[in-house]
N, C-alpha and C. Protein backbone atom coordinates (compact mmCIF):
# COMPACT_ATOMS: atom_id res chain seq x y z
N UNK A 1 5.87 -15.18 -21.15
CA UNK A 1 5.83 -13.45 -20.79
C UNK A 1 5.00 -13.37 -20.14
N UNK A 2 4.50 -12.50 -19.18
CA UNK A 2 3.15 -12.12 -18.96
C UNK A 2 2.81 -10.85 -19.94
N UNK A 3 1.40 -10.45 -20.52
CA UNK A 3 0.95 -9.64 -21.50
C UNK A 3 1.73 -8.20 -21.01
N UNK A 4 1.34 -8.10 -19.58
CA UNK A 4 1.91 -6.52 -19.36
C UNK A 4 3.49 -6.14 -19.29
N UNK A 5 3.90 -7.29 -19.53
CA UNK A 5 5.64 -7.10 -19.50
C UNK A 5 5.89 -7.05 -21.32
N UNK A 6 5.18 -7.56 -21.90
CA UNK A 6 5.13 -7.73 -23.34
C UNK A 6 4.80 -6.23 -23.82
N UNK A 7 3.69 -5.56 -23.09
CA UNK A 7 3.16 -4.11 -23.40
C UNK A 7 4.29 -3.16 -23.24
N UNK A 8 4.70 -3.45 -22.16
CA UNK A 8 5.85 -2.32 -21.49
C UNK A 8 4.89 -1.67 -20.27
N UNK A 9 5.72 -0.63 -19.65
CA UNK A 9 5.20 0.07 -18.63
C UNK A 9 4.17 0.85 -18.89
N UNK A 10 3.13 0.94 -17.77
CA UNK A 10 2.26 1.82 -18.25
C UNK A 10 2.55 3.25 -17.16
N UNK A 11 2.76 4.16 -17.18
CA UNK A 11 3.11 5.37 -16.06
C UNK A 11 2.23 6.74 -17.32
N UNK A 12 1.14 7.22 -15.96
CA UNK A 12 0.16 8.05 -16.26
C UNK A 12 1.29 9.19 -16.49
N UNK A 13 0.88 10.11 -17.75
CA UNK A 13 1.82 11.14 -17.80
C UNK A 13 1.13 12.81 -17.23
N UNK A 14 -0.18 12.23 -16.55
CA UNK A 14 -0.49 13.52 -15.44
C UNK A 14 -0.09 13.14 -14.45
N UNK A 15 0.28 12.28 -14.11
CA UNK A 15 1.09 12.30 -12.36
C UNK A 15 2.38 12.51 -12.61
N UNK A 16 2.99 12.00 -13.88
CA UNK A 16 5.00 12.85 -14.03
C UNK A 16 4.42 14.22 -14.05
N UNK A 17 3.73 15.06 -14.70
CA UNK A 17 3.59 16.71 -14.58
C UNK A 17 3.16 17.11 -13.12
N UNK A 18 2.41 16.06 -12.49
CA UNK A 18 2.02 16.55 -10.64
C UNK A 18 3.55 16.40 -10.26
N UNK A 19 4.10 15.66 -10.72
CA UNK A 19 5.70 15.11 -10.12
C UNK A 19 6.44 16.13 -10.14
N UNK A 20 6.45 16.90 -11.23
CA UNK A 20 7.46 17.97 -11.73
C UNK A 20 7.34 19.63 -11.14
N UNK A 21 5.87 19.18 -10.37
CA UNK A 21 5.81 20.45 -9.93
C UNK A 21 6.56 20.46 -8.58
N UNK A 22 6.44 19.71 -8.11
CA UNK A 22 6.72 19.66 -6.04
C UNK A 22 8.07 18.61 -5.91
N UNK A 23 8.53 18.99 -5.30
CA UNK A 23 10.03 18.42 -4.65
C UNK A 23 10.19 17.15 -3.93
N UNK A 24 11.17 16.38 -4.52
CA UNK A 24 10.63 14.76 -3.77
C UNK A 24 11.41 15.10 -2.45
N UNK A 25 10.85 14.25 -1.85
CA UNK A 25 10.96 14.14 -0.07
C UNK A 25 10.25 15.04 0.92
N UNK A 26 9.51 15.69 0.04
CA UNK A 26 8.55 17.03 0.84
C UNK A 26 7.54 16.10 1.59
N UNK A 27 6.93 16.94 2.35
CA UNK A 27 5.80 16.48 2.92
C UNK A 27 4.32 16.35 2.19
N UNK A 28 4.55 17.08 1.12
CA UNK A 28 3.36 17.00 -0.04
C UNK A 28 2.91 15.73 -0.12
N UNK A 29 1.63 15.52 -0.10
CA UNK A 29 1.19 14.47 -0.76
C UNK A 29 0.48 14.52 -2.30
N UNK A 30 1.24 13.56 -2.74
CA UNK A 30 0.25 13.80 -4.26
C UNK A 30 -0.86 12.55 -4.54
N UNK A 31 -1.73 13.02 -4.49
CA UNK A 31 -3.47 12.15 -4.83
C UNK A 31 -3.44 11.52 -5.73
N UNK A 32 -4.05 10.36 -6.22
CA UNK A 32 -3.90 9.60 -7.27
C UNK A 32 -4.66 8.59 -7.67
N UNK A 33 -5.65 8.57 -8.68
CA UNK A 33 -6.51 7.05 -8.80
C UNK A 33 -5.59 6.13 -9.73
N UNK A 34 -4.48 6.26 -9.83
CA UNK A 34 -3.71 5.77 -11.34
C UNK A 34 -3.42 4.45 -10.62
N UNK A 35 -4.13 3.62 -9.89
CA UNK A 35 -3.69 2.44 -9.39
C UNK A 35 -2.38 1.47 -10.54
N UNK A 36 -2.73 1.69 -11.54
CA UNK A 36 -2.35 0.73 -12.64
C UNK A 36 -1.08 1.14 -12.85
N UNK A 37 -0.91 2.67 -12.75
CA UNK A 37 0.22 3.26 -13.00
C UNK A 37 1.93 2.16 -12.52
N UNK A 38 2.63 2.40 -12.99
CA UNK A 38 3.54 1.54 -13.02
C UNK A 38 4.64 2.25 -11.82
N UNK A 39 5.80 2.21 -11.06
CA UNK A 39 6.28 3.03 -10.40
C UNK A 39 7.87 3.05 -11.04
N UNK A 40 8.02 4.51 -11.43
CA UNK A 40 9.36 4.73 -12.38
C UNK A 40 10.46 5.42 -11.49
N UNK A 41 12.12 4.95 -11.84
CA UNK A 41 12.41 5.78 -11.48
C UNK A 41 12.47 7.43 -10.56
N UNK A 42 11.96 8.18 -11.36
CA UNK A 42 11.84 9.19 -11.37
C UNK A 42 10.61 9.73 -9.65
N UNK A 43 10.05 8.79 -9.68
CA UNK A 43 8.87 8.50 -8.37
C UNK A 43 9.46 8.37 -7.35
N UNK A 44 10.89 8.17 -7.10
CA UNK A 44 11.43 7.44 -5.44
C UNK A 44 11.56 9.27 -5.16
N UNK A 45 11.37 8.98 -3.36
CA UNK A 45 10.88 9.84 -2.50
C UNK A 45 9.84 10.67 -2.67
N UNK A 46 8.90 10.59 -3.61
CA UNK A 46 7.67 11.19 -3.31
C UNK A 46 6.45 10.40 -2.20
N UNK A 47 5.71 11.12 -1.87
CA UNK A 47 5.03 10.49 -1.22
C UNK A 47 3.45 10.65 -2.02
N UNK A 48 2.76 9.32 -2.21
CA UNK A 48 1.30 9.05 -2.83
C UNK A 48 0.44 8.93 -2.02
N UNK A 49 -0.73 9.43 -2.15
CA UNK A 49 -1.95 9.04 -1.40
C UNK A 49 -2.82 8.17 -2.46
N UNK A 50 -3.13 7.07 -2.39
CA UNK A 50 -3.47 6.31 -3.68
C UNK A 50 -4.63 5.82 -3.02
N UNK A 51 -5.79 5.87 -3.86
CA UNK A 51 -7.12 5.64 -3.64
C UNK A 51 -7.58 4.03 -4.04
N UNK A 52 -7.66 3.42 -2.93
CA UNK A 52 -8.49 1.97 -2.43
C UNK A 52 -9.71 2.12 -2.80
N UNK A 53 -10.60 3.01 -3.58
CA UNK A 53 -12.13 2.70 -3.47
C UNK A 53 -12.67 3.60 -2.37
N UNK A 54 -12.06 3.91 -1.66
CA UNK A 54 -12.72 4.53 -0.24
C UNK A 54 -11.83 5.40 0.42
N UNK A 55 -10.41 5.25 0.84
CA UNK A 55 -9.78 6.31 1.32
C UNK A 55 -8.82 6.47 0.29
N UNK A 56 -8.06 7.26 0.89
CA UNK A 56 -5.97 7.48 0.10
C UNK A 56 -5.37 6.93 1.50
N UNK A 57 -5.10 5.83 0.70
CA UNK A 57 -3.49 5.05 1.57
C UNK A 57 -2.25 5.77 1.12
N UNK A 58 -1.92 6.45 2.19
CA UNK A 58 -0.47 6.81 2.21
C UNK A 58 0.89 5.58 2.04
N UNK A 59 1.50 6.14 1.07
CA UNK A 59 2.27 5.16 0.12
C UNK A 59 3.97 6.41 0.06
N UNK A 60 4.76 5.58 0.48
CA UNK A 60 6.31 6.55 0.18
C UNK A 60 6.77 5.97 -0.49
N UNK A 61 7.64 6.07 -1.55
CA UNK A 61 8.46 5.28 -2.58
C UNK A 61 9.14 5.31 -2.40
N UNK A 62 9.73 3.77 -2.59
CA UNK A 62 11.27 3.74 -2.21
C UNK A 62 12.23 2.69 -3.77
N UNK A 63 13.44 2.58 -3.24
CA UNK A 63 13.93 2.18 -4.78
C UNK A 63 13.50 0.42 -4.61
N UNK A 64 12.85 0.39 -3.82
CA UNK A 64 12.83 -1.72 -3.68
C UNK A 64 11.56 -1.11 -4.77
N UNK A 65 10.31 -0.46 -4.68
CA UNK A 65 9.14 -0.49 -5.66
C UNK A 65 9.45 0.06 -7.06
N UNK A 66 10.26 0.21 -7.53
CA UNK A 66 10.19 0.58 -8.95
C UNK A 66 9.83 -0.86 -9.90
N UNK A 67 8.95 -0.40 -10.33
CA UNK A 67 8.60 -1.71 -11.29
C UNK A 67 7.23 -2.76 -10.87
N UNK A 68 7.16 -2.15 -9.55
CA UNK A 68 5.99 -2.97 -9.36
C UNK A 68 4.79 -1.78 -9.61
N UNK A 69 3.20 -1.54 -9.39
CA UNK A 69 2.01 -1.21 -9.36
C UNK A 69 1.98 -0.20 -8.18
N UNK A 70 1.55 0.90 -8.35
CA UNK A 70 0.78 1.81 -7.13
C UNK A 70 -0.11 1.12 -6.63
N UNK A 71 -1.24 0.43 -7.21
CA UNK A 71 -2.37 -0.40 -6.27
C UNK A 71 -1.65 -1.60 -5.63
N UNK A 72 -0.51 -1.94 -5.84
CA UNK A 72 -0.07 -2.88 -5.09
C UNK A 72 0.41 -2.58 -3.57
N UNK A 73 0.23 -1.27 -3.48
CA UNK A 73 0.58 -0.82 -2.15
C UNK A 73 -0.58 -0.29 -0.84
N UNK A 74 -1.31 -0.64 -2.17
CA UNK A 74 -2.89 0.28 -1.49
C UNK A 74 -4.19 -0.79 -1.64
N UNK A 75 -4.04 -1.68 -0.50
CA UNK A 75 -4.70 -2.80 -0.32
C UNK A 75 -6.33 -2.15 -0.42
N UNK A 76 -7.25 -2.89 -1.57
CA UNK A 76 -8.74 -2.63 -1.32
C UNK A 76 -9.76 -3.34 -0.52
N UNK A 77 -9.21 -4.46 0.20
CA UNK A 77 -10.31 -5.14 1.01
C UNK A 77 -9.41 -5.10 2.23
N UNK A 78 -10.71 -5.14 3.06
CA UNK A 78 -9.58 -5.39 4.80
C UNK A 78 -10.08 -6.89 5.29
N UNK A 79 -9.46 -7.33 5.40
CA UNK A 79 -8.80 -8.79 6.62
C UNK A 79 -9.35 -8.71 7.51
N UNK A 80 -10.41 -9.50 7.61
CA UNK A 80 -11.08 -9.87 8.78
C UNK A 80 -10.31 -10.68 9.86
N UNK A 81 -10.72 -12.01 9.36
CA UNK A 81 -10.23 -13.03 10.00
C UNK A 81 -10.67 -14.55 9.33
N UNK A 82 -10.11 -15.41 9.34
CA UNK A 82 -10.13 -16.99 9.19
C UNK A 82 -11.09 -17.39 9.88
N UNK A 83 -12.19 -18.33 9.70
CA UNK A 83 -12.97 -19.04 10.28
C UNK A 83 -12.37 -20.30 11.11
N UNK A 84 -14.00 -20.75 11.71
CA UNK A 84 -13.56 -22.16 12.06
C UNK A 84 -13.32 -22.15 13.51
N UNK A 85 -12.95 -23.59 13.70
CA UNK A 85 -13.22 -24.01 15.67
C UNK A 85 -11.73 -23.61 16.05
N UNK A 86 -10.79 -23.92 15.26
CA UNK A 86 -9.84 -23.42 15.79
C UNK A 86 -9.26 -22.47 16.19
N UNK A 87 -9.39 -21.19 14.84
CA UNK A 87 -9.43 -20.18 15.30
C UNK A 87 -9.84 -19.56 16.55
N UNK A 88 -11.33 -20.02 16.59
CA UNK A 88 -11.91 -19.47 18.29
C UNK A 88 -11.18 -19.28 19.40
N UNK A 89 -11.06 -21.06 18.80
CA UNK A 89 -10.31 -21.05 20.51
C UNK A 89 -8.59 -20.48 20.41
N UNK A 90 -8.15 -20.24 19.59
CA UNK A 90 -6.83 -19.64 19.41
C UNK A 90 -6.85 -17.93 20.02
N UNK A 91 -8.15 -17.58 19.46
CA UNK A 91 -8.63 -15.95 20.09
C UNK A 91 -9.10 -16.17 21.21
N UNK A 92 -9.69 -17.09 22.27
CA UNK A 92 -10.10 -17.50 23.33
C UNK A 92 -8.91 -17.29 24.44
N UNK A 93 -7.78 -18.12 23.86
CA UNK A 93 -6.59 -18.07 24.54
C UNK A 93 -5.66 -16.83 24.69
N UNK A 94 -5.63 -15.83 23.66
CA UNK A 94 -5.23 -14.68 23.67
C UNK A 94 -5.93 -13.69 24.34
N UNK A 95 -7.43 -14.16 24.66
CA UNK A 95 -8.40 -13.11 25.47
C UNK A 95 -8.37 -13.32 26.55
N UNK A 96 -7.74 -14.57 27.39
CA UNK A 96 -7.96 -14.81 28.53
C UNK A 96 -7.00 -13.97 29.48
N UNK A 97 -7.32 -13.17 30.32
CA UNK A 97 -6.57 -12.51 31.38
C UNK A 97 -5.55 -13.05 32.13
N UNK A 98 -4.19 -12.42 32.80
CA UNK A 98 -3.38 -13.27 33.41
C UNK A 98 -4.04 -12.60 34.78
N UNK A 99 -4.19 -13.88 35.95
CA UNK A 99 -4.15 -13.41 37.07
C UNK A 99 -3.03 -12.31 38.13
N UNK A 100 -3.77 -11.62 38.63
CA UNK A 100 -2.91 -10.73 39.37
C UNK A 100 -2.10 -11.50 40.29
N UNK A 101 -2.01 -12.66 40.17
CA UNK A 101 -0.84 -13.58 41.74
C UNK A 101 0.02 -13.58 40.53
N UNK A 102 0.23 -14.13 39.28
CA UNK A 102 1.00 -14.55 38.42
C UNK A 102 1.68 -13.15 37.54
N UNK A 103 1.14 -12.08 37.71
CA UNK A 103 1.78 -10.67 37.26
C UNK A 103 2.63 -10.14 38.21
N UNK A 104 4.06 -10.09 37.60
CA UNK A 104 5.21 -9.16 38.56
C UNK A 104 5.94 -8.67 37.27
């Protein structure tokens, strides 16, 4: 059993207080820094702005997300690409333009 399961879900009380003030399914975005907060059934239909260290990533909560953490849907690092000779060759093939006489 993982330690987080043994300890039980963590839902920030301030976050739940913010949700009581607004209607679910609305256009209002709830900004939060509580990345470790577990998504509970009361959060379904709300739109969150989850902070990733630089920006707020918009996350709309659905039924499938219940039990996960808010931070799972807001990546903190940007994937650039894998390096290597083979990757450069693949990118070169993609970048080569198609000649005009072949396009139709």
